[in-house]
Amino acid sequence: NDSYIIFIGTKKFTERYYRDKKGWLKVSAKGKKFRMTAEQVLNHLLPALAGIKPGLTIKVEHHKS
């Protein structure tokens, strides 16, 4: 679904993950863009959700397509 943007970060940085027509894209805190597979996105997202990396926050925004 390309209607959501996932933000993962701390007080000092935030990364964005979203889908476009070509697949998943990560935008680093410095603004660099990286293509990712769905599995790579999950590998970044799941440790934060499981609480393994304390201090990380996750926010999801919905945008109409």
PDB file of N, CA and C in Angstrom:
ATOM      1  N   ASN A   1       0.840  -1.168   0.000  1.00  0.00           N
ATOM      2  CA  ASN A   1       0.000   0.000   0.000  1.00  0.00           C
ATOM      3  C   ASN A   1       0.891   1.239   0.000  1.00  0.00           C
ATOM      4  N   ASP A   2       0.662   2.121  -0.933  1.00  0.00           N
ATOM      5  CA  ASP A   2       1.504   3.312  -1.041  1.00  0.00           C
ATOM      6  C   ASP A   2       0.889   4.539  -0.374  1.00  0.00           C
ATOM      7  N   SER A   3      -0.030   4.326   0.550  1.00  0.00           N
ATOM      8  CA  SER A   3      -0.701   5.437   1.232  1.00  0.00           C
ATOM      9  C   SER A   3      -0.093   5.774   2.591  1.00  0.00           C
ATOM     10  N   TYR A   4       0.982   5.105   2.976  1.00  0.00           N
ATOM     11  CA  TYR A   4       1.544   5.288   4.311  1.00  0.00           C
ATOM     12  C   TYR A   4       3.020   5.665   4.246  1.00  0.00           C
ATOM     13  N   ILE A   5       3.430   6.480   5.198  1.00  0.00           N
ATOM     14  CA  ILE A   5       4.843   6.806   5.395  1.00  0.00           C
ATOM     15  C   ILE A   5       5.195   6.372   6.809  1.00  0.00           C
ATOM     16  N   ILE A   6       6.283   5.611   6.954  1.00  0.00           N
ATOM     17  CA  ILE A   6       6.747   5.139   8.258  1.00  0.00           C
ATOM     18  C   ILE A   6       7.955   5.977   8.657  1.00  0.00           C
ATOM     19  N   PHE A   7       7.913   6.553   9.840  1.00  0.00           N
ATOM     20  CA  PHE A   7       9.025   7.329  10.370  1.00  0.00           C
ATOM     21  C   PHE A   7       9.645   6.553  11.526  1.00  0.00           C
ATOM     22  N   ILE A   8      10.954   6.343  11.486  1.00  0.00           N
ATOM     23  CA  ILE A   8      11.678   5.706  12.575  1.00  0.00           C
ATOM     24  C   ILE A   8      12.796   6.652  12.972  1.00  0.00           C
ATOM     25  N   GLY A   9      12.894   6.951  14.274  1.00  0.00           N
ATOM     26  CA  GLY A   9      13.948   7.866  14.672  1.00  0.00           C
ATOM     27  C   GLY A   9      14.148   7.978  16.155  1.00  0.00           C
ATOM     28  N   THR A  10      15.010   8.912  16.500  1.00  0.00           N
ATOM     29  CA  THR A  10      15.305   9.274  17.883  1.00  0.00           C
ATOM     30  C   THR A  10      15.142  10.789  17.984  1.00  0.00           C
ATOM     31  N   LYS A  11      15.635  11.356  19.061  1.00  0.00           N
ATOM     32  CA  LYS A  11      15.597  12.809  19.190  1.00  0.00           C
ATOM     33  C   LYS A  11      16.535  13.492  18.196  1.00  0.00           C
ATOM     34  N   LYS A  12      17.555  12.750  17.710  1.00  0.00           N
ATOM     35  CA  LYS A  12      18.581  13.342  16.856  1.00  0.00           C
ATOM     36  C   LYS A  12      18.421  13.051  15.364  1.00  0.00           C
ATOM     37  N   PHE A  13      17.674  12.022  14.985  1.00  0.00           N
ATOM     38  CA  PHE A  13      17.516  11.706  13.561  1.00  0.00           C
ATOM     39  C   PHE A  13      16.172  11.041  13.300  1.00  0.00           C
ATOM     40  N   THR A  14      15.724  11.117  12.054  1.00  0.00           N
ATOM     41  CA  THR A  14      14.513  10.427  11.628  1.00  0.00           C
ATOM     42  C   THR A  14      14.715   9.922  10.204  1.00  0.00           C
ATOM     43  N   GLU A  15      14.334   8.676   9.979  1.00  0.00           N
ATOM     44  CA  GLU A  15      14.351   8.084   8.649  1.00  0.00           C
ATOM     45  C   GLU A  15      12.911   7.858   8.216  1.00  0.00           C
ATOM     46  N   ARG A  16      12.671   7.951   6.905  1.00  0.00           N
ATOM     47  CA  ARG A  16      11.334   7.723   6.364  1.00  0.00           C
ATOM     48  C   ARG A  16      11.362   6.513   5.439  1.00  0.00           C
ATOM     49  N   TYR A  17      10.291   5.745   5.461  1.00  0.00           N
ATOM     50  CA  TYR A  17      10.134   4.586   4.593  1.00  0.00           C
ATOM     51  C   TYR A  17       8.759   4.689   3.942  1.00  0.00           C
ATOM     52  N   TYR A  18       8.717   4.522   2.621  1.00  0.00           N
ATOM     53  CA  TYR A  18       7.434   4.550   1.940  1.00  0.00           C
ATOM     54  C   TYR A  18       7.537   3.787   0.622  1.00  0.00           C
ATOM     55  N   ARG A  19       6.370   3.458   0.072  1.00  0.00           N
ATOM     56  CA  ARG A  19       6.303   2.749  -1.207  1.00  0.00           C
ATOM     57  C   ARG A  19       5.934   3.718  -2.304  1.00  0.00           C
ATOM     58  N   ASP A  20       6.588   3.548  -3.443  1.00  0.00           N
ATOM     59  CA  ASP A  20       6.174   4.250  -4.641  1.00  0.00           C
ATOM     60  C   ASP A  20       5.900   3.201  -5.714  1.00  0.00           C
ATOM     61  N   LYS A  21       5.795   3.603  -6.952  1.00  0.00           N
ATOM     62  CA  LYS A  21       5.458   2.657  -8.018  1.00  0.00           C
ATOM     63  C   LYS A  21       6.536   1.604  -8.239  1.00  0.00           C
ATOM     64  N   LYS A  22       7.787   1.903  -7.871  1.00  0.00           N
ATOM     65  CA  LYS A  22       8.890   0.966  -8.086  1.00  0.00           C
ATOM     66  C   LYS A  22       9.165   0.069  -6.883  1.00  0.00           C
ATOM     67  N   GLY A  23       8.581   0.357  -5.726  1.00  0.00           N
ATOM     68  CA  GLY A  23       8.814  -0.446  -4.523  1.00  0.00           C
ATOM     69  C   GLY A  23       9.106   0.428  -3.325  1.00  0.00           C
ATOM     70  N   TRP A  24       9.782  -0.154  -2.334  1.00  0.00           N
ATOM     71  CA  TRP A  24      10.068   0.554  -1.086  1.00  0.00           C
ATOM     72  C   TRP A  24      11.266   1.488  -1.232  1.00  0.00           C
ATOM     73  N   LEU A  25      11.169   2.621  -0.545  1.00  0.00           N
ATOM     74  CA  LEU A  25      12.224   3.617  -0.571  1.00  0.00           C
ATOM     75  C   LEU A  25      12.486   4.088   0.848  1.00  0.00           C
ATOM     76  N   LYS A  26      13.760   4.173   1.209  1.00  0.00           N
ATOM     77  CA  LYS A  26      14.168   4.724   2.503  1.00  0.00           C
ATOM     78  C   LYS A  26      14.816   6.073   2.234  1.00  0.00           C
ATOM     79  N   VAL A  27      14.421   7.079   3.018  1.00  0.00           N
ATOM     80  CA  VAL A  27      15.066   8.386   2.964  1.00  0.00           C
ATOM     81  C   VAL A  27      15.779   8.562   4.295  1.00  0.00           C
ATOM     82  N   SER A  28      17.105   8.638   4.243  1.00  0.00           N
ATOM     83  CA  SER A  28      17.903   8.728   5.467  1.00  0.00           C
ATOM     84  C   SER A  28      17.741  10.099   6.110  1.00  0.00           C
ATOM     85  N   ALA A  29      18.271  10.235   7.311  1.00  0.00           N
ATOM     86  CA  ALA A  29      18.219  11.503   8.031  1.00  0.00           C
ATOM     87  C   ALA A  29      18.943  12.607   7.260  1.00  0.00           C
ATOM     88  N   LYS A  30      19.920  12.231   6.430  1.00  0.00           N
ATOM     89  CA  LYS A  30      20.669  13.205   5.630  1.00  0.00           C
ATOM     90  C   LYS A  30      20.033  13.450   4.263  1.00  0.00           C
ATOM     91  N   GLY A  31      18.907  12.782   3.995  1.00  0.00           N
ATOM     92  CA  GLY A  31      18.195  12.993   2.746  1.00  0.00           C
ATOM     93  C   GLY A  31      18.579  12.062   1.613  1.00  0.00           C
ATOM     94  N   LYS A  32      19.469  11.115   1.850  1.00  0.00           N
ATOM     95  CA  LYS A  32      19.851  10.156   0.811  1.00  0.00           C
ATOM     96  C   LYS A  32      18.746   9.119   0.644  1.00  0.00           C
ATOM     97  N   LYS A  33      18.519   8.710  -0.601  1.00  0.00           N
ATOM     98  CA  LYS A  33      17.458   7.748  -0.897  1.00  0.00           C
ATOM     99  C   LYS A  33      18.058   6.398  -1.242  1.00  0.00           C
ATOM    100  N   PHE A  34      17.416   5.347  -0.722  1.00  0.00           N
ATOM    101  CA  PHE A  34      17.863   3.976  -0.934  1.00  0.00           C
ATOM    102  C   PHE A  34      16.662   3.112  -1.278  1.00  0.00           C
ATOM    103  N   ARG A  35      16.772   2.329  -2.339  1.00  0.00           N
ATOM    104  CA  ARG A  35      15.747   1.338  -2.663  1.00  0.00           C
ATOM    105  C   ARG A  35      15.889   0.168  -1.706  1.00  0.00           C
ATOM    106  N   MET A  36      14.755  -0.399  -1.289  1.00  0.00           N
ATOM    107  CA  MET A  36      14.771  -1.505  -0.344  1.00  0.00           C
ATOM    108  C   MET A  36      13.719  -2.530  -0.739  1.00  0.00           C
ATOM    109  N   THR A  37      13.954  -3.768  -0.317  1.00  0.00           N
ATOM    110  CA  THR A  37      12.924  -4.793  -0.447  1.00  0.00           C
ATOM    111  C   THR A  37      12.012  -4.703   0.779  1.00  0.00           C
ATOM    112  N   ALA A  38      10.864  -5.336   0.699  1.00  0.00           N
ATOM    113  CA  ALA A  38       9.949  -5.362   1.845  1.00  0.00           C
ATOM    114  C   ALA A  38      10.619  -6.020   3.042  1.00  0.00           C
ATOM    115  N   GLU A  39      11.422  -7.050   2.787  1.00  0.00           N
ATOM    116  CA  GLU A  39      12.122  -7.743   3.873  1.00  0.00           C
ATOM    117  C   GLU A  39      13.112  -6.801   4.570  1.00  0.00           C
ATOM    118  N   GLN A  40      13.803  -5.972   3.818  1.00  0.00           N
ATOM    119  CA  GLN A  40      14.742  -5.022   4.418  1.00  0.00           C
ATOM    120  C   GLN A  40      14.008  -3.995   5.283  1.00  0.00           C
ATOM    121  N   VAL A  41      12.840  -3.551   4.823  1.00  0.00           N
ATOM    122  CA  VAL A  41      12.046  -2.601   5.623  1.00  0.00           C
ATOM    123  C   VAL A  41      11.649  -3.256   6.942  1.00  0.00           C
ATOM    124  N   LEU A  42      11.200  -4.501   6.883  1.00  0.00           N
ATOM    125  CA  LEU A  42      10.835  -5.217   8.112  1.00  0.00           C
ATOM    126  C   LEU A  42      12.034  -5.391   9.036  1.00  0.00           C
ATOM    127  N   ASN A  43      13.209  -5.641   8.476  1.00  0.00           N
ATOM    128  CA  ASN A  43      14.412  -5.786   9.299  1.00  0.00           C
ATOM    129  C   ASN A  43      14.764  -4.494  10.032  1.00  0.00           C
ATOM    130  N   HIS A  44      14.366  -3.354   9.510  1.00  0.00           N
ATOM    131  CA  HIS A  44      14.575  -2.080  10.190  1.00  0.00           C
ATOM    132  C   HIS A  44      13.455  -1.802  11.191  1.00  0.00           C
ATOM    133  N   LEU A  45      12.250  -2.208  10.831  1.00  0.00           N
ATOM    134  CA  LEU A  45      11.068  -1.882  11.624  1.00  0.00           C
ATOM    135  C   LEU A  45      10.864  -2.789  12.839  1.00  0.00           C
ATOM    136  N   LEU A  46      11.057  -4.089  12.681  1.00  0.00           N
ATOM    137  CA  LEU A  46      10.730  -5.036  13.750  1.00  0.00           C
ATOM    138  C   LEU A  46      11.538  -4.862  15.032  1.00  0.00           C
ATOM    139  N   PRO A  47      12.863  -4.621  14.984  1.00  0.00           N
ATOM    140  CA  PRO A  47      13.581  -4.404  16.246  1.00  0.00           C
ATOM    141  C   PRO A  47      13.047  -3.193  17.037  1.00  0.00           C
ATOM    142  N   ALA A  48      12.651  -2.166  16.316  1.00  0.00           N
ATOM    143  CA  ALA A  48      12.082  -1.000  17.005  1.00  0.00           C
ATOM    144  C   ALA A  48      10.747  -1.346  17.643  1.00  0.00           C
ATOM    145  N   LEU A  49       9.918  -2.094  16.932  1.00  0.00           N
ATOM    146  CA  LEU A  49       8.617  -2.489  17.477  1.00  0.00           C
ATOM    147  C   LEU A  49       8.751  -3.446  18.653  1.00  0.00           C
ATOM    148  N   ALA A  50       9.776  -4.289  18.623  1.00  0.00           N
ATOM    149  CA  ALA A  50       9.980  -5.266  19.694  1.00  0.00           C
ATOM    150  C   ALA A  50      10.635  -4.645  20.923  1.00  0.00           C
ATOM    151  N   GLY A  51      11.082  -3.396  20.821  1.00  0.00           N
ATOM    152  CA  GLY A  51      11.700  -2.737  21.963  1.00  0.00           C
ATOM    153  C   GLY A  51      13.153  -3.103  22.158  1.00  0.00           C
ATOM    154  N   ILE A  52      13.758  -3.739  21.167  1.00  0.00           N
ATOM    155  CA  ILE A  52      15.159  -4.153  21.273  1.00  0.00           C
ATOM    156  C   ILE A  52      16.091  -2.944  21.258  1.00  0.00           C
ATOM    157  N   LYS A  53      15.702  -1.921  20.535  1.00  0.00           N
ATOM    158  CA  LYS A  53      16.516  -0.706  20.463  1.00  0.00           C
ATOM    159  C   LYS A  53      15.786   0.406  21.209  1.00  0.00           C
ATOM    160  N   PRO A  54      16.112   0.592  22.489  1.00  0.00           N
ATOM    161  CA  PRO A  54      15.414   1.609  23.273  1.00  0.00           C
ATOM    162  C   PRO A  54      15.667   3.013  22.722  1.00  0.00           C
ATOM    163  N   GLY A  55      14.690   3.856  22.868  1.00  0.00           N
ATOM    164  CA  GLY A  55      14.832   5.243  22.433  1.00  0.00           C
ATOM    165  C   GLY A  55      14.360   5.490  21.017  1.00  0.00           C
ATOM    166  N   LEU A  56      14.046   4.421  20.278  1.00  0.00           N
ATOM    167  CA  LEU A  56      13.535   4.612  18.927  1.00  0.00           C
ATOM    168  C   LEU A  56      12.037   4.857  18.974  1.00  0.00           C
ATOM    169  N   THR A  57      11.597   5.778  18.160  1.00  0.00           N
ATOM    170  CA  THR A  57      10.167   6.036  18.045  1.00  0.00           C
ATOM    171  C   THR A  57       9.715   5.668  16.638  1.00  0.00           C
ATOM    172  N   ILE A  58       8.479   5.253  16.528  1.00  0.00           N
ATOM    173  CA  ILE A  58       7.888   4.911  15.235  1.00  0.00           C
ATOM    174  C   ILE A  58       6.587   5.678  15.103  1.00  0.00           C
ATOM    175  N   LYS A  59       6.426   6.292  13.938  1.00  0.00           N
ATOM    176  CA  LYS A  59       5.199   7.028  13.644  1.00  0.00           C
ATOM    177  C   LYS A  59       4.782   6.650  12.228  1.00  0.00           C
ATOM    178  N   VAL A  60       3.498   6.451  12.019  1.00  0.00           N
ATOM    179  CA  VAL A  60       2.975   6.116  10.691  1.00  0.00           C
ATOM    180  C   VAL A  60       1.937   7.167  10.318  1.00  0.00           C
ATOM    181  N   GLU A  61       2.094   7.727   9.125  1.00  0.00           N
ATOM    182  CA  GLU A  61       1.132   8.697   8.633  1.00  0.00           C
ATOM    183  C   GLU A  61       0.419   8.128   7.414  1.00  0.00           C
ATOM    184  N   HIS A  62      -0.880   8.392   7.323  1.00  0.00           N
ATOM    185  CA  HIS A  62      -1.685   7.965   6.173  1.00  0.00           C
ATOM    186  C   HIS A  62      -1.883   9.160   5.255  1.00  0.00           C
ATOM    187  N   HIS A  63      -1.658   8.935   3.979  1.00  0.00           N
ATOM    188  CA  HIS A  63      -1.885   9.967   2.967  1.00  0.00           C
ATOM    189  C   HIS A  63      -2.773   9.372   1.886  1.00  0.00           C
ATOM    190  N   LYS A  64      -3.779  10.120   1.477  1.00  0.00           N
ATOM    191  CA  LYS A  64      -4.659   9.629   0.395  1.00  0.00           C
ATOM    192  C   LYS A  64      -3.873   9.561  -0.888  1.00  0.00           C
ATOM    193  N   SER A  65      -4.089   8.482  -1.625  1.00  0.00           N
ATOM    194  CA  SER A  65      -3.380   8.284  -2.897  1.00  0.00           C
ATOM    195  C   SER A  65      -3.942   9.170  -3.974  1.00  0.00           C
TER     196      SER A  65
END
